[in-house]
Amino acid sequence: MSSATGHAAVVGGDAISRDRVDALLRAVPPRDRETRPEALARSERQRRRWATQVVVTDELARRACADRGLTPPAEVSPTRVLAVAETDVADLGSIVAAALAHSPAARELLAELEAEQHVPEAAVRDYYDRNLDRFLTAEALRRGADPFDGAAKADFLPYQEVREGVVRELRRAAGRRAFFDWLDRARADVVYAHGHEHPGDPSHPDHEHRH
């Protein structure tokens, strides 16, 4: 194990510097504007734990990319304000959403995992058949056609016309699941320094699951 002081976590025997966590914290404005001292202290503890998870995800993704022979694009400055779309937070959770916004390696790995996904034709057709309300024509939408009661075949976009879009959507969803599965496995052996544990760790009285 690397002998380094001021580390936030140890990944594969290497210490991850607290400086990386601090740089991320400077780039991400607090979501909560607490004013009471005890609430502010708790919020900042959780922010540090959250940022540690983002940095660890970045480090793990760098290693995974190296193992796969992938070369992520150049890293942007860690001091810029990090903007994370609320829709990504809702879909991915704030840790993974921020990691993908912050880490070129995480984005490269996700793209690779997505490209590896095979979407069976039967799954594409089943998605189309079960979600016909998403495939109404513009005219049917203007008319207020009910996709579940009384809509004619002509009211729906043909399967072959939308098939590629459905394949992309299902592959993207499968890629995200593969990314989550990889991350769960990859961080299982990470050792965190005191004050940098996962914000949802139930062994801490102020844990939370808003991630």
N, C-alpha and C. Protein backbone atom coordinates (compact mmCIF):
# COMPACT_ATOMS: atom_id res chain seq x y z
N MET A 1 0.85 -1.20 0.00
CA MET A 1 0.00 0.00 0.00
C MET A 1 0.88 1.24 0.00
N SER A 2 0.47 2.25 -0.76
CA SER A 2 1.23 3.49 -0.81
C SER A 2 1.17 4.17 0.55
N SER A 3 2.28 4.70 1.00
CA SER A 3 2.29 5.41 2.27
C SER A 3 2.15 6.90 1.98
N ALA A 4 0.95 7.39 2.19
CA ALA A 4 0.69 8.81 1.93
C ALA A 4 -0.23 9.33 3.01
N THR A 5 0.07 10.52 3.48
CA THR A 5 -0.79 11.13 4.48
C THR A 5 -1.86 11.94 3.77
N GLY A 6 -2.93 12.20 4.48
CA GLY A 6 -3.98 13.03 3.92
C GLY A 6 -4.69 12.36 2.77
N HIS A 7 -4.91 11.03 2.85
CA HIS A 7 -5.62 10.36 1.78
C HIS A 7 -7.11 10.23 2.12
N ALA A 8 -7.92 10.16 1.08
CA ALA A 8 -9.37 10.02 1.25
C ALA A 8 -9.80 8.57 1.16
N ALA A 9 -9.08 7.80 0.36
CA ALA A 9 -9.43 6.40 0.16
C ALA A 9 -8.20 5.67 -0.37
N VAL A 10 -8.27 4.35 -0.33
CA VAL A 10 -7.21 3.52 -0.90
C VAL A 10 -7.85 2.62 -1.94
N VAL A 11 -7.36 2.73 -3.17
CA VAL A 11 -7.89 1.95 -4.30
C VAL A 11 -6.77 1.08 -4.84
N GLY A 12 -6.96 -0.21 -4.78
CA GLY A 12 -5.95 -1.12 -5.29
C GLY A 12 -4.59 -0.93 -4.66
N GLY A 13 -4.55 -0.57 -3.39
CA GLY A 13 -3.29 -0.37 -2.69
C GLY A 13 -2.70 1.02 -2.84
N ASP A 14 -3.33 1.88 -3.64
CA ASP A 14 -2.84 3.24 -3.86
C ASP A 14 -3.73 4.25 -3.14
N ALA A 15 -3.10 5.18 -2.45
CA ALA A 15 -3.84 6.21 -1.73
C ALA A 15 -4.34 7.28 -2.70
N ILE A 16 -5.61 7.65 -2.51
CA ILE A 16 -6.22 8.72 -3.29
C ILE A 16 -6.18 9.98 -2.44
N SER A 17 -5.49 10.99 -2.92
CA SER A 17 -5.27 12.20 -2.13
C SER A 17 -6.56 12.95 -1.84
N ARG A 18 -6.59 13.53 -0.63
CA ARG A 18 -7.72 14.40 -0.29
C ARG A 18 -7.77 15.63 -1.19
N ASP A 19 -6.64 15.99 -1.79
CA ASP A 19 -6.63 17.16 -2.68
C ASP A 19 -7.59 16.99 -3.84
N ARG A 20 -7.73 15.76 -4.33
CA ARG A 20 -8.67 15.52 -5.43
C ARG A 20 -10.11 15.73 -4.99
N VAL A 21 -10.40 15.33 -3.77
CA VAL A 21 -11.74 15.55 -3.22
C VAL A 21 -11.99 17.04 -3.01
N ASP A 22 -11.00 17.74 -2.46
CA ASP A 22 -11.14 19.18 -2.23
C ASP A 22 -11.36 19.93 -3.54
N ALA A 23 -10.63 19.53 -4.59
CA ALA A 23 -10.78 20.20 -5.89
C ALA A 23 -12.20 20.02 -6.42
N LEU A 24 -12.76 18.83 -6.25
CA LEU A 24 -14.12 18.59 -6.71
C LEU A 24 -15.12 19.40 -5.89
N LEU A 25 -14.92 19.46 -4.58
CA LEU A 25 -15.82 20.23 -3.73
C LEU A 25 -15.84 21.71 -4.12
N ARG A 26 -14.68 22.22 -4.52
CA ARG A 26 -14.63 23.62 -4.97
C ARG A 26 -15.39 23.82 -6.28
N ALA A 27 -15.49 22.76 -7.06
CA ALA A 27 -16.14 22.87 -8.37
C ALA A 27 -17.63 22.61 -8.32
N VAL A 28 -18.13 22.12 -7.19
CA VAL A 28 -19.55 21.78 -7.07
C VAL A 28 -20.17 22.63 -5.97
N PRO A 29 -21.05 23.55 -6.31
CA PRO A 29 -21.69 24.36 -5.26
C PRO A 29 -22.60 23.51 -4.39
N PRO A 30 -22.71 23.82 -3.11
CA PRO A 30 -23.60 23.06 -2.23
C PRO A 30 -25.04 23.13 -2.71
N ARG A 31 -25.73 22.00 -2.60
CA ARG A 31 -27.15 21.98 -2.97
C ARG A 31 -28.01 22.60 -1.88
N ASP A 32 -27.58 22.44 -0.65
CA ASP A 32 -28.36 22.93 0.49
C ASP A 32 -27.73 24.19 1.07
N ARG A 33 -28.53 25.17 1.36
CA ARG A 33 -28.03 26.41 1.95
C ARG A 33 -28.37 26.42 3.44
N GLU A 34 -27.62 25.64 4.18
CA GLU A 34 -27.87 25.55 5.61
C GLU A 34 -27.29 26.76 6.33
N THR A 35 -27.97 27.20 7.37
CA THR A 35 -27.47 28.33 8.15
C THR A 35 -27.18 27.92 9.60
N ARG A 36 -27.92 26.96 10.14
CA ARG A 36 -27.64 26.51 11.51
C ARG A 36 -26.31 25.78 11.54
N PRO A 37 -25.45 26.06 12.50
CA PRO A 37 -24.10 25.47 12.52
C PRO A 37 -24.12 23.94 12.46
N GLU A 38 -25.00 23.30 13.24
CA GLU A 38 -24.99 21.84 13.26
C GLU A 38 -25.46 21.26 11.93
N ALA A 39 -26.45 21.92 11.30
CA ALA A 39 -26.94 21.45 10.00
C ALA A 39 -25.89 21.67 8.92
N LEU A 40 -25.18 22.80 8.99
CA LEU A 40 -24.13 23.08 8.02
C LEU A 40 -23.00 22.06 8.15
N ALA A 41 -22.63 21.74 9.37
CA ALA A 41 -21.55 20.77 9.59
C ALA A 41 -21.94 19.41 9.03
N ARG A 42 -23.18 19.00 9.27
CA ARG A 42 -23.64 17.71 8.75
C ARG A 42 -23.65 17.73 7.23
N SER A 43 -24.15 18.82 6.65
CA SER A 43 -24.21 18.94 5.19
C SER A 43 -22.83 18.85 4.57
N GLU A 44 -21.86 19.52 5.19
CA GLU A 44 -20.51 19.50 4.65
C GLU A 44 -19.85 18.12 4.81
N ARG A 45 -20.16 17.42 5.91
CA ARG A 45 -19.65 16.05 6.05
C ARG A 45 -20.15 15.17 4.92
N GLN A 46 -21.45 15.28 4.65
CA GLN A 46 -22.03 14.45 3.61
C GLN A 46 -21.53 14.86 2.23
N ARG A 47 -21.31 16.15 2.03
CA ARG A 47 -20.76 16.60 0.75
C ARG A 47 -19.37 16.01 0.52
N ARG A 48 -18.56 15.96 1.57
CA ARG A 48 -17.22 15.40 1.43
C ARG A 48 -17.30 13.90 1.12
N ARG A 49 -18.18 13.21 1.78
CA ARG A 49 -18.34 11.78 1.51
C ARG A 49 -18.83 11.55 0.08
N TRP A 50 -19.78 12.38 -0.33
CA TRP A 50 -20.32 12.30 -1.70
C TRP A 50 -19.21 12.56 -2.71
N ALA A 51 -18.42 13.61 -2.50
CA ALA A 51 -17.33 13.95 -3.43
C ALA A 51 -16.29 12.84 -3.48
N THR A 52 -16.04 12.20 -2.35
CA THR A 52 -15.10 11.09 -2.33
C THR A 52 -15.58 9.97 -3.26
N GLN A 53 -16.88 9.69 -3.22
CA GLN A 53 -17.42 8.65 -4.10
C GLN A 53 -17.23 9.02 -5.57
N VAL A 54 -17.41 10.29 -5.89
CA VAL A 54 -17.23 10.73 -7.29
C VAL A 54 -15.78 10.55 -7.71
N VAL A 55 -14.85 10.96 -6.84
CA VAL A 55 -13.42 10.84 -7.15
C VAL A 55 -13.01 9.37 -7.25
N VAL A 56 -13.52 8.54 -6.36
CA VAL A 56 -13.21 7.11 -6.41
C VAL A 56 -13.74 6.49 -7.69
N THR A 57 -14.94 6.89 -8.09
CA THR A 57 -15.50 6.38 -9.35
C THR A 57 -14.61 6.77 -10.52
N ASP A 58 -14.13 8.01 -10.52
CA ASP A 58 -13.21 8.46 -11.56
C ASP A 58 -11.94 7.60 -11.56
N GLU A 59 -11.37 7.36 -10.40
CA GLU A 59 -10.15 6.57 -10.31
C GLU A 59 -10.38 5.14 -10.80
N LEU A 60 -11.47 4.54 -10.39
CA LEU A 60 -11.79 3.19 -10.82
C LEU A 60 -12.00 3.13 -12.33
N ALA A 61 -12.66 4.16 -12.87
CA ALA A 61 -12.90 4.20 -14.31
C ALA A 61 -11.60 4.35 -15.08
N ARG A 62 -10.67 5.16 -14.55
CA ARG A 62 -9.36 5.29 -15.21
C ARG A 62 -8.67 3.94 -15.29
N ARG A 63 -8.73 3.20 -14.21
CA ARG A 63 -8.07 1.89 -14.18
C ARG A 63 -8.76 0.90 -15.12
N ALA A 64 -10.09 0.96 -15.16
CA ALA A 64 -10.83 0.07 -16.06
C ALA A 64 -10.52 0.39 -17.51
N CYS A 65 -10.42 1.68 -17.83
CA CYS A 65 -10.07 2.08 -19.20
C CYS A 65 -8.67 1.58 -19.56
N ALA A 66 -7.73 1.72 -18.63
CA ALA A 66 -6.37 1.24 -18.88
C ALA A 66 -6.36 -0.26 -19.12
N ASP A 67 -7.14 -1.00 -18.33
CA ASP A 67 -7.21 -2.45 -18.50
C ASP A 67 -7.78 -2.84 -19.86
N ARG A 68 -8.68 -2.00 -20.37
CA ARG A 68 -9.34 -2.29 -21.65
C ARG A 68 -8.62 -1.67 -22.84
N GLY A 69 -7.53 -0.96 -22.59
CA GLY A 69 -6.82 -0.32 -23.67
C GLY A 69 -7.53 0.89 -24.23
N LEU A 70 -8.37 1.52 -23.43
CA LEU A 70 -9.10 2.71 -23.86
C LEU A 70 -8.33 3.96 -23.47
N THR A 71 -8.40 4.98 -24.30
CA THR A 71 -7.75 6.25 -24.01
C THR A 71 -8.80 7.34 -23.89
N PRO A 72 -9.19 7.71 -22.68
CA PRO A 72 -10.19 8.76 -22.51
C PRO A 72 -9.68 10.10 -23.04
N PRO A 73 -10.57 11.01 -23.43
CA PRO A 73 -10.15 12.34 -23.85
C PRO A 73 -9.50 13.09 -22.69
N ALA A 74 -8.83 14.17 -23.02
CA ALA A 74 -8.13 14.95 -22.00
C ALA A 74 -9.11 15.43 -20.94
N GLU A 75 -8.64 15.45 -19.72
CA GLU A 75 -9.47 15.87 -18.59
C GLU A 75 -9.61 17.39 -18.58
N VAL A 76 -10.83 17.84 -18.31
CA VAL A 76 -11.05 19.28 -18.18
C VAL A 76 -10.57 19.72 -16.80
N SER A 77 -10.44 21.01 -16.63
CA SER A 77 -9.96 21.54 -15.35
C SER A 77 -10.90 21.14 -14.22
N PRO A 78 -10.39 20.54 -13.14
CA PRO A 78 -11.25 20.16 -12.03
C PRO A 78 -11.78 21.35 -11.24
N THR A 79 -11.26 22.55 -11.54
CA THR A 79 -11.69 23.72 -10.77
C THR A 79 -12.89 24.42 -11.41
N ARG A 80 -13.28 24.02 -12.61
CA ARG A 80 -14.44 24.68 -13.22
C ARG A 80 -15.70 24.26 -12.47
N VAL A 81 -16.73 25.08 -12.53
CA VAL A 81 -17.99 24.74 -11.88
C VAL A 81 -18.61 23.56 -12.61
N LEU A 82 -18.91 22.53 -11.86
CA LEU A 82 -19.42 21.30 -12.44
C LEU A 82 -20.94 21.36 -12.51
N ALA A 83 -21.47 21.33 -13.72
CA ALA A 83 -22.92 21.37 -13.92
C ALA A 83 -23.42 19.95 -14.18
N VAL A 84 -24.41 19.54 -13.42
CA VAL A 84 -24.99 18.20 -13.57
C VAL A 84 -26.48 18.38 -13.82
N ALA A 85 -26.97 17.82 -14.91
CA ALA A 85 -28.38 17.96 -15.27
C ALA A 85 -29.27 17.26 -14.25
N GLU A 86 -30.36 17.92 -13.86
CA GLU A 86 -31.28 17.33 -12.89
C GLU A 86 -31.87 16.02 -13.41
N THR A 87 -32.09 15.93 -14.72
CA THR A 87 -32.64 14.69 -15.28
C THR A 87 -31.65 13.54 -15.09
N ASP A 88 -30.35 13.83 -15.22
CA ASP A 88 -29.34 12.79 -14.99
C ASP A 88 -29.31 12.38 -13.53
N VAL A 89 -29.47 13.34 -12.62
CA VAL A 89 -29.51 13.02 -11.20
C VAL A 89 -30.69 12.10 -10.91
N ALA A 90 -31.85 12.42 -11.51
CA ALA A 90 -33.04 11.61 -11.29
C ALA A 90 -32.86 10.20 -11.85
N ASP A 91 -32.23 10.09 -13.02
CA ASP A 91 -32.08 8.79 -13.68
C ASP A 91 -30.94 7.96 -13.10
N LEU A 92 -29.86 8.61 -12.70
CA LEU A 92 -28.63 7.89 -12.35
C LEU A 92 -28.26 7.96 -10.88
N GLY A 93 -28.84 8.92 -10.15
CA GLY A 93 -28.36 9.21 -8.81
C GLY A 93 -27.25 10.24 -8.89
N SER A 94 -27.10 11.04 -7.85
CA SER A 94 -26.20 12.19 -7.94
C SER A 94 -24.74 11.78 -8.03
N ILE A 95 -24.34 10.65 -7.43
CA ILE A 95 -22.94 10.25 -7.48
C ILE A 95 -22.55 9.87 -8.91
N VAL A 96 -23.31 8.98 -9.53
CA VAL A 96 -22.96 8.54 -10.88
C VAL A 96 -23.13 9.68 -11.87
N ALA A 97 -24.18 10.49 -11.72
CA ALA A 97 -24.37 11.62 -12.62
C ALA A 97 -23.19 12.59 -12.55
N ALA A 98 -22.74 12.89 -11.34
CA ALA A 98 -21.59 13.79 -11.19
C ALA A 98 -20.31 13.15 -11.70
N ALA A 99 -20.15 11.85 -11.46
CA ALA A 99 -18.96 11.16 -11.94
C ALA A 99 -18.89 11.21 -13.46
N LEU A 100 -20.01 11.02 -14.13
CA LEU A 100 -20.01 11.06 -15.59
C LEU A 100 -19.77 12.48 -16.11
N ALA A 101 -20.25 13.47 -15.37
CA ALA A 101 -19.99 14.86 -15.77
C ALA A 101 -18.53 15.25 -15.52
N HIS A 102 -17.94 14.69 -14.47
CA HIS A 102 -16.60 15.08 -14.02
C HIS A 102 -15.49 14.28 -14.70
N SER A 103 -15.76 13.01 -15.03
CA SER A 103 -14.71 12.08 -15.39
C SER A 103 -14.77 11.64 -16.86
N PRO A 104 -13.82 12.07 -17.69
CA PRO A 104 -13.76 11.55 -19.07
C PRO A 104 -13.62 10.03 -19.10
N ALA A 105 -12.90 9.47 -18.12
CA ALA A 105 -12.73 8.02 -18.08
C ALA A 105 -14.06 7.31 -17.83
N ALA A 106 -14.88 7.86 -16.94
CA ALA A 106 -16.18 7.25 -16.67
C ALA A 106 -17.06 7.30 -17.92
N ARG A 107 -17.03 8.42 -18.63
CA ARG A 107 -17.82 8.54 -19.86
C ARG A 107 -17.33 7.56 -20.93
N GLU A 108 -16.00 7.43 -21.04
CA GLU A 108 -15.43 6.51 -22.03
C GLU A 108 -15.81 5.07 -21.70
N LEU A 109 -15.75 4.72 -20.43
CA LEU A 109 -16.11 3.37 -20.02
C LEU A 109 -17.58 3.10 -20.27
N LEU A 110 -18.43 4.06 -19.93
CA LEU A 110 -19.86 3.88 -20.17
C LEU A 110 -20.14 3.68 -21.65
N ALA A 111 -19.50 4.47 -22.51
CA ALA A 111 -19.69 4.33 -23.96
C ALA A 111 -19.26 2.94 -24.43
N GLU A 112 -18.15 2.45 -23.88
CA GLU A 112 -17.67 1.12 -24.25
C GLU A 112 -18.64 0.04 -23.80
N LEU A 113 -19.12 0.15 -22.59
CA LEU A 113 -20.08 -0.84 -22.08
C LEU A 113 -21.37 -0.80 -22.88
N GLU A 114 -21.81 0.40 -23.25
CA GLU A 114 -23.02 0.53 -24.05
C GLU A 114 -22.84 -0.14 -25.41
N ALA A 115 -21.68 0.07 -26.03
CA ALA A 115 -21.42 -0.51 -27.35
C ALA A 115 -21.39 -2.03 -27.31
N GLU A 116 -21.09 -2.59 -26.14
CA GLU A 116 -21.01 -4.05 -26.01
C GLU A 116 -22.37 -4.72 -25.88
N GLN A 117 -23.41 -3.93 -25.63
CA GLN A 117 -24.71 -4.52 -25.34
C GLN A 117 -25.40 -5.01 -26.61
N HIS A 118 -25.90 -6.23 -26.56
CA HIS A 118 -26.70 -6.79 -27.66
C HIS A 118 -28.17 -6.68 -27.30
N VAL A 119 -28.93 -6.10 -28.19
CA VAL A 119 -30.37 -5.95 -27.96
C VAL A 119 -31.11 -6.91 -28.91
N PRO A 120 -31.71 -7.95 -28.38
CA PRO A 120 -32.41 -8.92 -29.23
C PRO A 120 -33.60 -8.27 -29.96
N GLU A 121 -33.84 -8.73 -31.16
CA GLU A 121 -34.96 -8.20 -31.94
C GLU A 121 -36.28 -8.37 -31.20
N ALA A 122 -36.42 -9.49 -30.50
CA ALA A 122 -37.68 -9.74 -29.77
C ALA A 122 -37.89 -8.69 -28.70
N ALA A 123 -36.80 -8.23 -28.05
CA ALA A 123 -36.93 -7.20 -27.01
C ALA A 123 -37.34 -5.87 -27.62
N VAL A 124 -36.84 -5.57 -28.81
CA VAL A 124 -37.18 -4.31 -29.48
C VAL A 124 -38.66 -4.32 -29.86
N ARG A 125 -39.10 -5.43 -30.45
CA ARG A 125 -40.50 -5.53 -30.86
C ARG A 125 -41.42 -5.49 -29.64
N ASP A 126 -41.03 -6.16 -28.57
CA ASP A 126 -41.84 -6.17 -27.35
C ASP A 126 -41.97 -4.76 -26.78
N TYR A 127 -40.87 -4.02 -26.79
CA TYR A 127 -40.91 -2.64 -26.28
C TYR A 127 -41.88 -1.80 -27.11
N TYR A 128 -41.81 -1.95 -28.42
CA TYR A 128 -42.72 -1.21 -29.31
C TYR A 128 -44.17 -1.56 -29.01
N ASP A 129 -44.46 -2.84 -28.91
CA ASP A 129 -45.85 -3.28 -28.70
C ASP A 129 -46.40 -2.84 -27.35
N ARG A 130 -45.54 -2.77 -26.33
CA ARG A 130 -46.00 -2.41 -24.99
C ARG A 130 -46.04 -0.91 -24.74
N ASN A 131 -45.45 -0.14 -25.66
CA ASN A 131 -45.38 1.31 -25.46
C ASN A 131 -45.90 2.08 -26.68
N LEU A 132 -47.01 1.61 -27.22
CA LEU A 132 -47.54 2.23 -28.42
C LEU A 132 -47.90 3.70 -28.21
N ASP A 133 -48.18 4.08 -26.98
CA ASP A 133 -48.51 5.49 -26.72
C ASP A 133 -47.34 6.41 -27.06
N ARG A 134 -46.13 5.87 -27.09
CA ARG A 134 -44.96 6.69 -27.42
C ARG A 134 -44.78 6.84 -28.93
N PHE A 135 -45.57 6.12 -29.71
CA PHE A 135 -45.34 6.09 -31.15
C PHE A 135 -46.54 6.57 -31.96
N LEU A 136 -47.37 7.39 -31.34
CA LEU A 136 -48.47 8.00 -32.09
C LEU A 136 -47.93 8.98 -33.12
N THR A 137 -48.57 9.05 -34.26
CA THR A 137 -48.17 10.03 -35.27
C THR A 137 -48.53 11.43 -34.79
N ALA A 138 -47.93 12.44 -35.43
CA ALA A 138 -48.23 13.83 -35.06
C ALA A 138 -49.71 14.12 -35.26
N GLU A 139 -50.29 13.59 -36.32
CA GLU A 139 -51.72 13.82 -36.58
C GLU A 139 -52.58 13.19 -35.51
N ALA A 140 -52.21 11.98 -35.09
CA ALA A 140 -52.99 11.30 -34.04
C ALA A 140 -52.88 12.06 -32.72
N LEU A 141 -51.71 12.61 -32.43
CA LEU A 141 -51.55 13.41 -31.21
C LEU A 141 -52.41 14.67 -31.27
N ARG A 142 -52.44 15.32 -32.43
CA ARG A 142 -53.26 16.53 -32.57
C ARG A 142 -54.73 16.21 -32.38
N ARG A 143 -55.13 15.04 -32.86
CA ARG A 143 -56.53 14.62 -32.78
C ARG A 143 -56.90 14.13 -31.39
N GLY A 144 -55.89 13.87 -30.57
CA GLY A 144 -56.16 13.34 -29.24
C GLY A 144 -56.52 11.88 -29.26
N ALA A 145 -55.98 11.13 -30.20
CA ALA A 145 -56.29 9.70 -30.31
C ALA A 145 -55.84 8.97 -29.05
N ASP A 146 -56.65 8.03 -28.60
CA ASP A 146 -56.32 7.23 -27.42
C ASP A 146 -55.57 5.98 -27.90
N PRO A 147 -54.29 5.84 -27.57
CA PRO A 147 -53.53 4.70 -28.09
C PRO A 147 -54.01 3.36 -27.55
N PHE A 148 -54.78 3.39 -26.46
CA PHE A 148 -55.23 2.15 -25.84
C PHE A 148 -56.70 1.83 -26.11
N ASP A 149 -57.37 2.74 -26.79
CA ASP A 149 -58.80 2.52 -27.03
C ASP A 149 -59.24 3.26 -28.29
N GLY A 150 -59.39 2.52 -29.36
CA GLY A 150 -59.96 3.09 -30.57
C GLY A 150 -58.98 3.60 -31.60
N ALA A 151 -57.69 3.67 -31.29
CA ALA A 151 -56.72 4.15 -32.27
C ALA A 151 -56.54 3.13 -33.37
N ALA A 152 -56.43 3.63 -34.61
CA ALA A 152 -56.24 2.75 -35.76
C ALA A 152 -54.76 2.50 -35.99
N LYS A 153 -54.45 1.48 -36.78
CA LYS A 153 -53.05 1.15 -37.07
C LYS A 153 -52.33 2.35 -37.68
N ALA A 154 -53.05 3.11 -38.50
CA ALA A 154 -52.44 4.27 -39.17
C ALA A 154 -52.09 5.39 -38.19
N ASP A 155 -52.59 5.31 -36.96
CA ASP A 155 -52.30 6.34 -35.97
C ASP A 155 -50.91 6.17 -35.34
N PHE A 156 -50.26 5.05 -35.64
CA PHE A 156 -48.96 4.77 -35.03
C PHE A 156 -47.85 4.79 -36.07
N LEU A 157 -46.70 5.29 -35.66
CA LEU A 157 -45.53 5.23 -36.52
C LEU A 157 -45.17 3.77 -36.77
N PRO A 158 -44.85 3.41 -38.00
CA PRO A 158 -44.53 2.00 -38.30
C PRO A 158 -43.32 1.52 -37.51
N TYR A 159 -43.35 0.25 -37.15
CA TYR A 159 -42.27 -0.35 -36.37
C TYR A 159 -40.91 -0.12 -37.02
N GLN A 160 -40.79 -0.38 -38.30
CA GLN A 160 -39.50 -0.25 -38.97
C GLN A 160 -38.98 1.19 -38.96
N GLU A 161 -39.89 2.14 -38.88
CA GLU A 161 -39.49 3.55 -38.87
C GLU A 161 -38.86 3.95 -37.54
N VAL A 162 -39.30 3.32 -36.46
CA VAL A 162 -38.81 3.71 -35.13
C VAL A 162 -37.86 2.69 -34.53
N ARG A 163 -37.68 1.57 -35.23
CA ARG A 163 -36.91 0.47 -34.66
C ARG A 163 -35.52 0.89 -34.19
N GLU A 164 -34.75 1.62 -35.02
CA GLU A 164 -33.39 1.99 -34.67
C GLU A 164 -33.35 2.88 -33.43
N GLY A 165 -34.34 3.76 -33.30
CA GLY A 165 -34.40 4.60 -32.11
C GLY A 165 -34.65 3.78 -30.86
N VAL A 166 -35.51 2.76 -30.97
CA VAL A 166 -35.78 1.89 -29.83
C VAL A 166 -34.53 1.09 -29.47
N VAL A 167 -33.82 0.60 -30.48
CA VAL A 167 -32.58 -0.14 -30.22
C VAL A 167 -31.60 0.74 -29.46
N ARG A 168 -31.43 1.99 -29.90
CA ARG A 168 -30.51 2.90 -29.21
C ARG A 168 -30.93 3.11 -27.77
N GLU A 169 -32.23 3.28 -27.55
CA GLU A 169 -32.71 3.52 -26.18
C GLU A 169 -32.49 2.31 -25.29
N LEU A 170 -32.78 1.13 -25.80
CA LEU A 170 -32.60 -0.09 -25.00
C LEU A 170 -31.11 -0.38 -24.77
N ARG A 171 -30.28 -0.11 -25.77
CA ARG A 171 -28.84 -0.32 -25.59
C ARG A 171 -28.29 0.66 -24.56
N ARG A 172 -28.78 1.89 -24.59
CA ARG A 172 -28.33 2.89 -23.62
C ARG A 172 -28.72 2.46 -22.20
N ALA A 173 -29.94 1.97 -22.04
CA ALA A 173 -30.38 1.52 -20.71
C ALA A 173 -29.56 0.32 -20.26
N ALA A 174 -29.28 -0.61 -21.16
CA ALA A 174 -28.48 -1.79 -20.80
C ALA A 174 -27.05 -1.38 -20.47
N GLY A 175 -26.51 -0.39 -21.19
CA GLY A 175 -25.18 0.10 -20.88
C GLY A 175 -25.10 0.72 -19.51
N ARG A 176 -26.12 1.45 -19.14
CA ARG A 176 -26.14 2.05 -17.80
C ARG A 176 -26.21 0.98 -16.72
N ARG A 177 -27.01 -0.06 -16.95
CA ARG A 177 -27.07 -1.15 -15.97
C ARG A 177 -25.72 -1.83 -15.85
N ALA A 178 -25.05 -2.03 -16.98
CA ALA A 178 -23.72 -2.64 -16.95
C ALA A 178 -22.73 -1.76 -16.20
N PHE A 179 -22.86 -0.45 -16.36
CA PHE A 179 -21.98 0.48 -15.65
C PHE A 179 -22.21 0.39 -14.14
N PHE A 180 -23.47 0.35 -13.72
CA PHE A 180 -23.78 0.23 -12.30
C PHE A 180 -23.24 -1.09 -11.75
N ASP A 181 -23.41 -2.18 -12.51
CA ASP A 181 -22.91 -3.48 -12.06
C ASP A 181 -21.39 -3.45 -11.92
N TRP A 182 -20.72 -2.85 -12.92
CA TRP A 182 -19.26 -2.73 -12.84
C TRP A 182 -18.85 -1.92 -11.61
N LEU A 183 -19.52 -0.80 -11.37
CA LEU A 183 -19.14 0.08 -10.27
C LEU A 183 -19.33 -0.62 -8.93
N ASP A 184 -20.43 -1.35 -8.78
CA ASP A 184 -20.66 -2.07 -7.52
C ASP A 184 -19.53 -3.06 -7.24
N ARG A 185 -19.10 -3.76 -8.28
CA ARG A 185 -18.01 -4.72 -8.10
C ARG A 185 -16.68 -4.02 -7.86
N ALA A 186 -16.43 -2.96 -8.63
CA ALA A 186 -15.12 -2.30 -8.58
C ALA A 186 -14.85 -1.63 -7.24
N ARG A 187 -15.88 -1.07 -6.61
CA ARG A 187 -15.62 -0.33 -5.37
C ARG A 187 -15.80 -1.19 -4.12
N ALA A 188 -16.02 -2.48 -4.32
CA ALA A 188 -16.24 -3.36 -3.16
C ALA A 188 -15.02 -3.42 -2.25
N ASP A 189 -13.82 -3.30 -2.82
CA ASP A 189 -12.60 -3.43 -2.03
C ASP A 189 -11.95 -2.09 -1.70
N VAL A 190 -12.62 -0.99 -2.00
CA VAL A 190 -12.08 0.33 -1.68
C VAL A 190 -12.13 0.53 -0.16
N VAL A 191 -11.06 1.08 0.38
CA VAL A 191 -11.00 1.38 1.82
C VAL A 191 -11.02 2.89 1.98
N TYR A 192 -11.97 3.39 2.77
CA TYR A 192 -12.14 4.84 2.93
C TYR A 192 -11.54 5.33 4.23
N ALA A 193 -10.94 6.50 4.17
CA ALA A 193 -10.44 7.15 5.38
C ALA A 193 -11.62 7.68 6.19
N HIS A 194 -11.37 7.88 7.48
CA HIS A 194 -12.43 8.41 8.35
C HIS A 194 -12.92 9.76 7.81
N GLY A 195 -14.23 9.90 7.73
CA GLY A 195 -14.82 11.13 7.22
C GLY A 195 -15.05 11.13 5.72
N HIS A 196 -14.65 10.04 5.07
CA HIS A 196 -14.81 9.94 3.62
C HIS A 196 -15.65 8.72 3.23
N GLU A 197 -16.32 8.11 4.20
CA GLU A 197 -17.10 6.92 3.90
C GLU A 197 -18.28 7.26 2.99
N HIS A 198 -18.89 6.22 2.44
CA HIS A 198 -20.05 6.43 1.57
C HIS A 198 -21.14 7.17 2.35
N PRO A 199 -21.79 8.19 1.71
CA PRO A 199 -22.83 8.94 2.43
C PRO A 199 -24.03 8.09 2.82
N GLY A 200 -24.20 6.94 2.19
CA GLY A 200 -25.31 6.06 2.56
C GLY A 200 -24.91 4.93 3.48
N ASP A 201 -23.68 4.96 4.00
CA ASP A 201 -23.19 3.90 4.89
C ASP A 201 -24.03 3.88 6.17
N PRO A 202 -24.80 2.80 6.41
CA PRO A 202 -25.68 2.78 7.58
C PRO A 202 -24.96 2.70 8.91
N SER A 203 -23.64 2.48 8.88
CA SER A 203 -22.90 2.44 10.15
C SER A 203 -22.67 3.82 10.72
N HIS A 204 -23.02 4.86 9.97
CA HIS A 204 -22.88 6.23 10.44
C HIS A 204 -24.24 6.82 10.78
N PRO A 205 -24.37 7.47 11.92
CA PRO A 205 -25.68 7.96 12.34
C PRO A 205 -26.27 9.01 11.43
N ASP A 206 -25.44 9.70 10.64
CA ASP A 206 -25.98 10.74 9.76
C ASP A 206 -25.99 10.30 8.31
N HIS A 207 -26.07 8.97 8.09
CA HIS A 207 -26.07 8.49 6.71
C HIS A 207 -27.34 8.92 6.01
N GLU A 208 -27.26 8.97 4.69
CA GLU A 208 -28.44 9.29 3.90
C GLU A 208 -28.34 8.53 2.59
N HIS A 209 -29.47 8.40 1.90
CA HIS A 209 -29.51 7.63 0.65
C HIS A 209 -29.85 8.52 -0.53
N ARG A 210 -29.66 9.82 -0.38
CA ARG A 210 -29.96 10.74 -1.47
C ARG A 210 -28.76 10.80 -2.41
N HIS A 211 -28.50 9.68 -3.12
CA HIS A 211 -27.35 9.61 -4.01
C HIS A 211 -27.67 8.80 -5.23
